[in-house]
Structure formats: C-alpha cells, structure tokens
mmCIF file of all heavy atoms, coordinates in Angstrom:
data_MODEL
# 
_entry.id   MODEL 
# 
loop_
_atom_site.group_PDB 
_atom_site.id 
_atom_site.type_symbol 
_atom_site.label_atom_id 
_atom_site.label_alt_id 
_atom_site.label_comp_id 
_atom_site.label_asym_id 
_atom_site.label_entity_id 
_atom_site.label_seq_id 
_atom_site.pdbx_PDB_ins_code 
_atom_site.Cartn_x 
_atom_site.Cartn_y 
_atom_site.Cartn_z 
_atom_site.occupancy 
_atom_site.B_iso_or_equiv 
_atom_site.pdbx_formal_charge 
_atom_site.auth_seq_id 
_atom_site.auth_comp_id 
_atom_site.auth_asym_id 
_atom_site.auth_atom_id 
_atom_site.pdbx_PDB_model_num 
ATOM 1   N N   . ALA A 1 1  ? 155.184 170.829 152.397 1.00 0.00 ? 1  ALA A N   1 
ATOM 2   C CA  . ALA A 1 1  ? 154.267 170.297 151.434 1.00 0.00 ? 1  ALA A CA  1 
ATOM 3   C C   . ALA A 1 1  ? 154.905 169.419 150.409 1.00 0.00 ? 1  ALA A C   1 
ATOM 4   O O   . ALA A 1 1  ? 154.440 168.373 150.053 1.00 0.00 ? 1  ALA A O   1 
ATOM 5   C CB  . ALA A 1 1  ? 153.555 171.456 150.695 1.00 0.00 ? 1  ALA A CB  1 
ATOM 6   N N   . LEU A 1 2  ? 156.149 169.849 149.929 1.00 0.00 ? 2  LEU A N   1 
ATOM 7   C CA  . LEU A 1 2  ? 156.840 169.013 148.977 1.00 0.00 ? 2  LEU A CA  1 
ATOM 8   C C   . LEU A 1 2  ? 157.363 167.706 149.555 1.00 0.00 ? 2  LEU A C   1 
ATOM 9   O O   . LEU A 1 2  ? 157.426 166.663 148.901 1.00 0.00 ? 2  LEU A O   1 
ATOM 10  C CB  . LEU A 1 2  ? 157.930 169.816 148.309 1.00 0.00 ? 2  LEU A CB  1 
ATOM 11  C CG  . LEU A 1 2  ? 157.476 170.943 147.309 1.00 0.00 ? 2  LEU A CG  1 
ATOM 12  C CD1 . LEU A 1 2  ? 158.658 171.773 146.850 1.00 0.00 ? 2  LEU A CD1 1 
ATOM 13  C CD2 . LEU A 1 2  ? 156.710 170.310 146.174 1.00 0.00 ? 2  LEU A CD2 1 
ATOM 14  N N   . ARG A 1 3  ? 157.733 167.765 150.819 1.00 0.00 ? 3  ARG A N   1 
ATOM 15  C CA  . ARG A 1 3  ? 158.191 166.506 151.454 1.00 0.00 ? 3  ARG A CA  1 
ATOM 16  C C   . ARG A 1 3  ? 157.002 165.516 151.556 1.00 0.00 ? 3  ARG A C   1 
ATOM 17  O O   . ARG A 1 3  ? 157.195 164.331 151.338 1.00 0.00 ? 3  ARG A O   1 
ATOM 18  C CB  . ARG A 1 3  ? 158.719 166.748 152.844 1.00 0.00 ? 3  ARG A CB  1 
ATOM 19  C CG  . ARG A 1 3  ? 160.098 167.456 152.956 1.00 0.00 ? 3  ARG A CG  1 
ATOM 20  C CD  . ARG A 1 3  ? 160.504 167.668 154.385 1.00 0.00 ? 3  ARG A CD  1 
ATOM 21  N NE  . ARG A 1 3  ? 160.746 166.362 155.059 1.00 0.00 ? 3  ARG A NE  1 
ATOM 22  C CZ  . ARG A 1 3  ? 161.023 166.316 156.376 1.00 0.00 ? 3  ARG A CZ  1 
ATOM 23  N NH1 . ARG A 1 3  ? 161.061 167.383 157.153 1.00 0.00 ? 3  ARG A NH1 1 
ATOM 24  N NH2 . ARG A 1 3  ? 161.161 165.171 156.917 1.00 0.00 ? 3  ARG A NH2 1 
ATOM 25  N N   . ALA A 1 4  ? 155.863 166.042 151.877 1.00 0.00 ? 4  ALA A N   1 
ATOM 26  C CA  . ALA A 1 4  ? 154.696 165.198 151.916 1.00 0.00 ? 4  ALA A CA  1 
ATOM 27  C C   . ALA A 1 4  ? 154.276 164.654 150.558 1.00 0.00 ? 4  ALA A C   1 
ATOM 28  O O   . ALA A 1 4  ? 153.860 163.418 150.422 1.00 0.00 ? 4  ALA A O   1 
ATOM 29  C CB  . ALA A 1 4  ? 153.471 166.002 152.532 1.00 0.00 ? 4  ALA A CB  1 
ATOM 30  N N   . GLU A 1 5  ? 154.424 165.452 149.587 1.00 0.00 ? 5  GLU A N   1 
ATOM 31  C CA  . GLU A 1 5  ? 154.142 164.988 148.187 1.00 0.00 ? 5  GLU A CA  1 
ATOM 32  C C   . GLU A 1 5  ? 155.096 163.922 147.719 1.00 0.00 ? 5  GLU A C   1 
ATOM 33  O O   . GLU A 1 5  ? 154.711 162.928 147.091 1.00 0.00 ? 5  GLU A O   1 
ATOM 34  C CB  . GLU A 1 5  ? 154.134 166.211 147.228 1.00 0.00 ? 5  GLU A CB  1 
ATOM 35  C CG  . GLU A 1 5  ? 152.918 167.079 147.386 1.00 0.00 ? 5  GLU A CG  1 
ATOM 36  C CD  . GLU A 1 5  ? 151.567 166.519 146.889 1.00 0.00 ? 5  GLU A CD  1 
ATOM 37  O OE1 . GLU A 1 5  ? 151.603 165.805 145.880 1.00 0.00 ? 5  GLU A OE1 1 
ATOM 38  O OE2 . GLU A 1 5  ? 150.653 166.835 147.506 1.00 0.00 ? 5  GLU A OE2 1 
ATOM 39  N N   . ALA A 1 6  ? 156.357 164.062 148.053 1.00 0.00 ? 6  ALA A N   1 
ATOM 40  C CA  . ALA A 1 6  ? 157.357 163.151 147.618 1.00 0.00 ? 6  ALA A CA  1 
ATOM 41  C C   . ALA A 1 6  ? 157.065 161.772 148.371 1.00 0.00 ? 6  ALA A C   1 
ATOM 42  O O   . ALA A 1 6  ? 157.182 160.711 147.711 1.00 0.00 ? 6  ALA A O   1 
ATOM 43  C CB  . ALA A 1 6  ? 158.773 163.609 148.033 1.00 0.00 ? 6  ALA A CB  1 
ATOM 44  N N   . LYS A 1 7  ? 156.694 161.826 149.607 1.00 0.00 ? 7  LYS A N   1 
ATOM 45  C CA  . LYS A 1 7  ? 156.373 160.592 150.374 1.00 0.00 ? 7  LYS A CA  1 
ATOM 46  C C   . LYS A 1 7  ? 155.135 159.940 149.748 1.00 0.00 ? 7  LYS A C   1 
ATOM 47  O O   . LYS A 1 7  ? 155.138 158.680 149.537 1.00 0.00 ? 7  LYS A O   1 
ATOM 48  C CB  . LYS A 1 7  ? 156.098 160.952 151.834 1.00 0.00 ? 7  LYS A CB  1 
ATOM 49  C CG  . LYS A 1 7  ? 155.872 159.686 152.670 1.00 0.00 ? 7  LYS A CG  1 
ATOM 50  C CD  . LYS A 1 7  ? 155.716 160.123 154.110 1.00 0.00 ? 7  LYS A CD  1 
ATOM 51  C CE  . LYS A 1 7  ? 155.316 158.875 154.969 1.00 0.00 ? 7  LYS A CE  1 
ATOM 52  N NZ  . LYS A 1 7  ? 155.259 159.217 156.468 1.00 0.00 ? 7  LYS A NZ  1 
ATOM 53  N N   . ALA A 1 8  ? 154.086 160.770 149.446 1.00 0.00 ? 8  ALA A N   1 
ATOM 54  C CA  . ALA A 1 8  ? 152.891 160.163 148.934 1.00 0.00 ? 8  ALA A CA  1 
ATOM 55  C C   . ALA A 1 8  ? 153.094 159.481 147.567 1.00 0.00 ? 8  ALA A C   1 
ATOM 56  O O   . ALA A 1 8  ? 152.520 158.390 147.281 1.00 0.00 ? 8  ALA A O   1 
ATOM 57  C CB  . ALA A 1 8  ? 151.778 161.189 148.764 1.00 0.00 ? 8  ALA A CB  1 
ATOM 58  N N   . ALA A 1 9  ? 153.999 160.058 146.772 1.00 0.00 ? 9  ALA A N   1 
ATOM 59  C CA  . ALA A 1 9  ? 154.262 159.563 145.438 1.00 0.00 ? 9  ALA A CA  1 
ATOM 60  C C   . ALA A 1 9  ? 155.378 158.486 145.443 1.00 0.00 ? 9  ALA A C   1 
ATOM 61  O O   . ALA A 1 9  ? 155.542 157.798 144.469 1.00 0.00 ? 9  ALA A O   1 
ATOM 62  C CB  . ALA A 1 9  ? 154.599 160.662 144.472 1.00 0.00 ? 9  ALA A CB  1 
ATOM 63  N N   . GLY A 1 10 ? 156.178 158.456 146.520 1.00 0.00 ? 10 GLY A N   1 
ATOM 64  C CA  . GLY A 1 10 ? 157.340 157.540 146.562 1.00 0.00 ? 10 GLY A CA  1 
ATOM 65  C C   . GLY A 1 10 ? 158.417 157.892 145.564 1.00 0.00 ? 10 GLY A C   1 
ATOM 66  O O   . GLY A 1 10 ? 158.963 156.968 144.926 1.00 0.00 ? 10 GLY A O   1 
ATOM 67  N N   . VAL A 1 11 ? 158.733 159.152 145.448 1.00 0.00 ? 11 VAL A N   1 
ATOM 68  C CA  . VAL A 1 11 ? 159.733 159.602 144.447 1.00 0.00 ? 11 VAL A CA  1 
ATOM 69  C C   . VAL A 1 11 ? 160.849 160.431 145.132 1.00 0.00 ? 11 VAL A C   1 
ATOM 70  O O   . VAL A 1 11 ? 160.629 160.904 146.237 1.00 0.00 ? 11 VAL A O   1 
ATOM 71  C CB  . VAL A 1 11 ? 159.069 160.432 143.340 1.00 0.00 ? 11 VAL A CB  1 
ATOM 72  C CG1 . VAL A 1 11 ? 157.945 159.660 142.597 1.00 0.00 ? 11 VAL A CG1 1 
ATOM 73  C CG2 . VAL A 1 11 ? 158.500 161.766 143.902 1.00 0.00 ? 11 VAL A CG2 1 
ATOM 74  N N   . TRP A 1 12 ? 161.911 160.457 144.452 1.00 0.00 ? 12 TRP A N   1 
ATOM 75  C CA  . TRP A 1 12 ? 163.046 161.316 144.854 1.00 0.00 ? 12 TRP A CA  1 
ATOM 76  C C   . TRP A 1 12 ? 162.745 162.789 144.396 1.00 0.00 ? 12 TRP A C   1 
ATOM 77  O O   . TRP A 1 12 ? 162.171 162.969 143.319 1.00 0.00 ? 12 TRP A O   1 
ATOM 78  C CB  . TRP A 1 12 ? 164.344 160.923 144.259 1.00 0.00 ? 12 TRP A CB  1 
ATOM 79  C CG  . TRP A 1 12 ? 164.852 159.618 144.912 1.00 0.00 ? 12 TRP A CG  1 
ATOM 80  C CD1 . TRP A 1 12 ? 164.643 158.341 144.483 1.00 0.00 ? 12 TRP A CD1 1 
ATOM 81  C CD2 . TRP A 1 12 ? 165.691 159.548 146.088 1.00 0.00 ? 12 TRP A CD2 1 
ATOM 82  N NE1 . TRP A 1 12 ? 165.235 157.446 145.307 1.00 0.00 ? 12 TRP A NE1 1 
ATOM 83  C CE2 . TRP A 1 12 ? 165.917 158.177 146.320 1.00 0.00 ? 12 TRP A CE2 1 
ATOM 84  C CE3 . TRP A 1 12 ? 166.263 160.501 146.936 1.00 0.00 ? 12 TRP A CE3 1 
ATOM 85  C CZ2 . TRP A 1 12 ? 166.689 157.763 147.394 1.00 0.00 ? 12 TRP A CZ2 1 
ATOM 86  C CZ3 . TRP A 1 12 ? 166.999 160.070 147.961 1.00 0.00 ? 12 TRP A CZ3 1 
ATOM 87  C CH2 . TRP A 1 12 ? 167.277 158.709 148.216 1.00 0.00 ? 12 TRP A CH2 1 
ATOM 88  N N   . LEU A 1 13 ? 163.188 163.751 145.178 1.00 0.00 ? 13 LEU A N   1 
ATOM 89  C CA  . LEU A 1 13 ? 162.913 165.170 144.881 1.00 0.00 ? 13 LEU A CA  1 
ATOM 90  C C   . LEU A 1 13 ? 164.116 166.012 145.210 1.00 0.00 ? 13 LEU A C   1 
ATOM 91  O O   . LEU A 1 13 ? 164.567 165.942 146.380 1.00 0.00 ? 13 LEU A O   1 
ATOM 92  C CB  . LEU A 1 13 ? 161.664 165.661 145.584 1.00 0.00 ? 13 LEU A CB  1 
ATOM 93  C CG  . LEU A 1 13 ? 161.396 167.112 145.664 1.00 0.00 ? 13 LEU A CG  1 
ATOM 94  C CD1 . LEU A 1 13 ? 161.029 167.659 144.221 1.00 0.00 ? 13 LEU A CD1 1 
ATOM 95  C CD2 . LEU A 1 13 ? 160.275 167.506 146.549 1.00 0.00 ? 13 LEU A CD2 1 
ATOM 96  N N   . LEU A 1 14 ? 164.592 166.812 144.267 1.00 0.00 ? 14 LEU A N   1 
ATOM 97  C CA  . LEU A 1 14 ? 165.551 167.855 144.599 1.00 0.00 ? 14 LEU A CA  1 
ATOM 98  C C   . LEU A 1 14 ? 164.738 169.207 144.596 1.00 0.00 ? 14 LEU A C   1 
ATOM 99  O O   . LEU A 1 14 ? 164.222 169.626 143.574 1.00 0.00 ? 14 LEU A O   1 
ATOM 100 C CB  . LEU A 1 14 ? 166.624 168.031 143.587 1.00 0.00 ? 14 LEU A CB  1 
ATOM 101 C CG  . LEU A 1 14 ? 167.635 169.099 143.880 1.00 0.00 ? 14 LEU A CG  1 
ATOM 102 C CD1 . LEU A 1 14 ? 168.693 168.729 144.883 1.00 0.00 ? 14 LEU A CD1 1 
ATOM 103 C CD2 . LEU A 1 14 ? 168.265 169.714 142.687 1.00 0.00 ? 14 LEU A CD2 1 
ATOM 104 N N   . ILE A 1 15 ? 164.594 169.804 145.797 1.00 0.00 ? 15 ILE A N   1 
ATOM 105 C CA  . ILE A 1 15 ? 164.135 171.158 145.878 1.00 0.00 ? 15 ILE A CA  1 
ATOM 106 C C   . ILE A 1 15 ? 165.303 172.029 145.651 1.00 0.00 ? 15 ILE A C   1 
ATOM 107 O O   . ILE A 1 15 ? 166.208 172.153 146.484 1.00 0.00 ? 15 ILE A O   1 
ATOM 108 C CB  . ILE A 1 15 ? 163.411 171.471 147.296 1.00 0.00 ? 15 ILE A CB  1 
ATOM 109 C CG1 . ILE A 1 15 ? 162.375 170.465 147.581 1.00 0.00 ? 15 ILE A CG1 1 
ATOM 110 C CG2 . ILE A 1 15 ? 162.963 172.882 147.325 1.00 0.00 ? 15 ILE A CG2 1 
ATOM 111 C CD1 . ILE A 1 15 ? 161.883 170.602 149.005 1.00 0.00 ? 15 ILE A CD1 1 
ATOM 112 N N   . GLY A 1 16 ? 165.329 172.636 144.463 1.00 0.00 ? 16 GLY A N   1 
ATOM 113 C CA  . GLY A 1 16 ? 166.572 173.359 144.000 1.00 0.00 ? 16 GLY A CA  1 
ATOM 114 C C   . GLY A 1 16 ? 167.168 174.242 145.024 1.00 0.00 ? 16 GLY A C   1 
ATOM 115 O O   . GLY A 1 16 ? 168.322 174.223 145.366 1.00 0.00 ? 16 GLY A O   1 
ATOM 116 N N   . SER A 1 17 ? 166.305 175.110 145.581 1.00 0.00 ? 17 SER A N   1 
ATOM 117 C CA  . SER A 1 17 ? 166.655 175.867 146.825 1.00 0.00 ? 17 SER A CA  1 
ATOM 118 C C   . SER A 1 17 ? 165.426 176.566 147.323 1.00 0.00 ? 17 SER A C   1 
ATOM 119 O O   . SER A 1 17 ? 164.454 176.785 146.530 1.00 0.00 ? 17 SER A O   1 
ATOM 120 C CB  . SER A 1 17 ? 167.800 176.845 146.655 1.00 0.00 ? 17 SER A CB  1 
ATOM 121 O OG  . SER A 1 17 ? 167.394 178.008 146.147 1.00 0.00 ? 17 SER A OG  1 
ATOM 122 N N   . LEU A 1 18 ? 165.482 176.917 148.574 1.00 0.00 ? 18 LEU A N   1 
ATOM 123 C CA  . LEU A 1 18 ? 164.469 177.753 149.221 1.00 0.00 ? 18 LEU A CA  1 
ATOM 124 C C   . LEU A 1 18 ? 165.136 178.927 149.876 1.00 0.00 ? 18 LEU A C   1 
ATOM 125 O O   . LEU A 1 18 ? 166.276 178.735 150.503 1.00 0.00 ? 18 LEU A O   1 
ATOM 126 C CB  . LEU A 1 18 ? 163.690 176.985 150.272 1.00 0.00 ? 18 LEU A CB  1 
ATOM 127 C CG  . LEU A 1 18 ? 162.925 175.759 149.783 1.00 0.00 ? 18 LEU A CG  1 
ATOM 128 C CD1 . LEU A 1 18 ? 162.375 174.991 150.959 1.00 0.00 ? 18 LEU A CD1 1 
ATOM 129 C CD2 . LEU A 1 18 ? 161.844 176.127 148.828 1.00 0.00 ? 18 LEU A CD2 1 
ATOM 130 N N   . GLY A 1 19 ? 164.593 180.146 149.869 1.00 0.00 ? 19 GLY A N   1 
ATOM 131 C CA  . GLY A 1 19 ? 165.067 181.189 150.674 1.00 0.00 ? 19 GLY A CA  1 
ATOM 132 C C   . GLY A 1 19 ? 164.502 180.934 152.032 1.00 0.00 ? 19 GLY A C   1 
ATOM 133 O O   . GLY A 1 19 ? 163.228 180.894 152.249 1.00 0.00 ? 19 GLY A O   1 
ATOM 134 N N   . LEU A 1 20 ? 165.328 180.970 153.069 1.00 0.00 ? 20 LEU A N   1 
ATOM 135 C CA  . LEU A 1 20 ? 164.882 180.648 154.399 1.00 0.00 ? 20 LEU A CA  1 
ATOM 136 C C   . LEU A 1 20 ? 165.491 181.648 155.465 1.00 0.00 ? 20 LEU A C   1 
ATOM 137 O O   . LEU A 1 20 ? 166.656 182.047 155.250 1.00 0.00 ? 20 LEU A O   1 
ATOM 138 C CB  . LEU A 1 20 ? 165.348 179.214 154.776 1.00 0.00 ? 20 LEU A CB  1 
ATOM 139 C CG  . LEU A 1 20 ? 164.774 178.103 153.977 1.00 0.00 ? 20 LEU A CG  1 
ATOM 140 C CD1 . LEU A 1 20 ? 165.506 176.847 154.329 1.00 0.00 ? 20 LEU A CD1 1 
ATOM 141 C CD2 . LEU A 1 20 ? 163.252 177.930 154.245 1.00 0.00 ? 20 LEU A CD2 1 
ATOM 142 N N   . LYS A 1 21 ? 164.708 181.998 156.446 1.00 0.00 ? 21 LYS A N   1 
ATOM 143 C CA  . LYS A 1 21 ? 165.294 182.739 157.585 1.00 0.00 ? 21 LYS A CA  1 
ATOM 144 C C   . LYS A 1 21 ? 166.277 181.887 158.359 1.00 0.00 ? 21 LYS A C   1 
ATOM 145 O O   . LYS A 1 21 ? 166.119 180.665 158.403 1.00 0.00 ? 21 LYS A O   1 
ATOM 146 C CB  . LYS A 1 21 ? 164.203 183.251 158.505 1.00 0.00 ? 21 LYS A CB  1 
ATOM 147 C CG  . LYS A 1 21 ? 163.241 184.339 157.863 1.00 0.00 ? 21 LYS A CG  1 
ATOM 148 C CD  . LYS A 1 21 ? 162.236 184.754 158.822 1.00 0.00 ? 21 LYS A CD  1 
ATOM 149 C CE  . LYS A 1 21 ? 161.440 185.958 158.295 1.00 0.00 ? 21 LYS A CE  1 
ATOM 150 N NZ  . LYS A 1 21 ? 160.378 186.413 159.225 1.00 0.00 ? 21 LYS A NZ  1 
ATOM 151 N N   . THR A 1 22 ? 167.211 182.503 158.977 1.00 0.00 ? 22 THR A N   1 
ATOM 152 C CA  . THR A 1 22 ? 168.250 181.770 159.763 1.00 0.00 ? 22 THR A CA  1 
ATOM 153 C C   . THR A 1 22 ? 168.409 182.174 161.196 1.00 0.00 ? 22 THR A C   1 
ATOM 154 O O   . THR A 1 22 ? 169.046 181.459 161.963 1.00 0.00 ? 22 THR A O   1 
ATOM 155 C CB  . THR A 1 22 ? 169.655 182.068 159.085 1.00 0.00 ? 22 THR A CB  1 
ATOM 156 O OG1 . THR A 1 22 ? 169.963 183.510 159.192 1.00 0.00 ? 22 THR A OG1 1 
ATOM 157 C CG2 . THR A 1 22 ? 169.669 181.708 157.571 1.00 0.00 ? 22 THR A CG2 1 
ATOM 158 N N   . GLY A 1 23 ? 167.820 183.297 161.582 1.00 0.00 ? 23 GLY A N   1 
ATOM 159 C CA  . GLY A 1 23 ? 168.001 183.772 162.975 1.00 0.00 ? 23 GLY A CA  1 
ATOM 160 C C   . GLY A 1 23 ? 169.337 184.516 163.217 1.00 0.00 ? 23 GLY A C   1 
ATOM 161 O O   . GLY A 1 23 ? 169.656 184.819 164.357 1.00 0.00 ? 23 GLY A O   1 
ATOM 162 N N   . ASP A 1 24 ? 170.144 184.680 162.091 1.00 0.00 ? 24 ASP A N   1 
ATOM 163 C CA  . ASP A 1 24 ? 171.387 185.404 162.259 1.00 0.00 ? 24 ASP A CA  1 
ATOM 164 C C   . ASP A 1 24 ? 171.087 186.843 162.651 1.00 0.00 ? 24 ASP A C   1 
ATOM 165 O O   . ASP A 1 24 ? 170.109 187.436 162.353 1.00 0.00 ? 24 ASP A O   1 
ATOM 166 C CB  . ASP A 1 24 ? 172.168 185.444 160.944 1.00 0.00 ? 24 ASP A CB  1 
ATOM 167 C CG  . ASP A 1 24 ? 172.761 184.088 160.634 1.00 0.00 ? 24 ASP A CG  1 
ATOM 168 O OD1 . ASP A 1 24 ? 172.510 183.143 161.397 1.00 0.00 ? 24 ASP A OD1 1 
ATOM 169 O OD2 . ASP A 1 24 ? 173.367 183.989 159.609 1.00 0.00 ? 24 ASP A OD2 1 
# 
C-alpha cells in the first residue's frame, strides 16, 4: 500500500521498518 501511495504522489518514502516473516 505504501509503495502504491508513493508512486501515486511521486514522492520518496522511507518505511522505517516492517516486521516480516522470513521462512527461517
């Protein structure tokens, strides 16, 4: 969603971090 919003607005975005699964 944030990638789509950045594209729609034409701005740079730092997503500070996301907790993500890794498959480890």
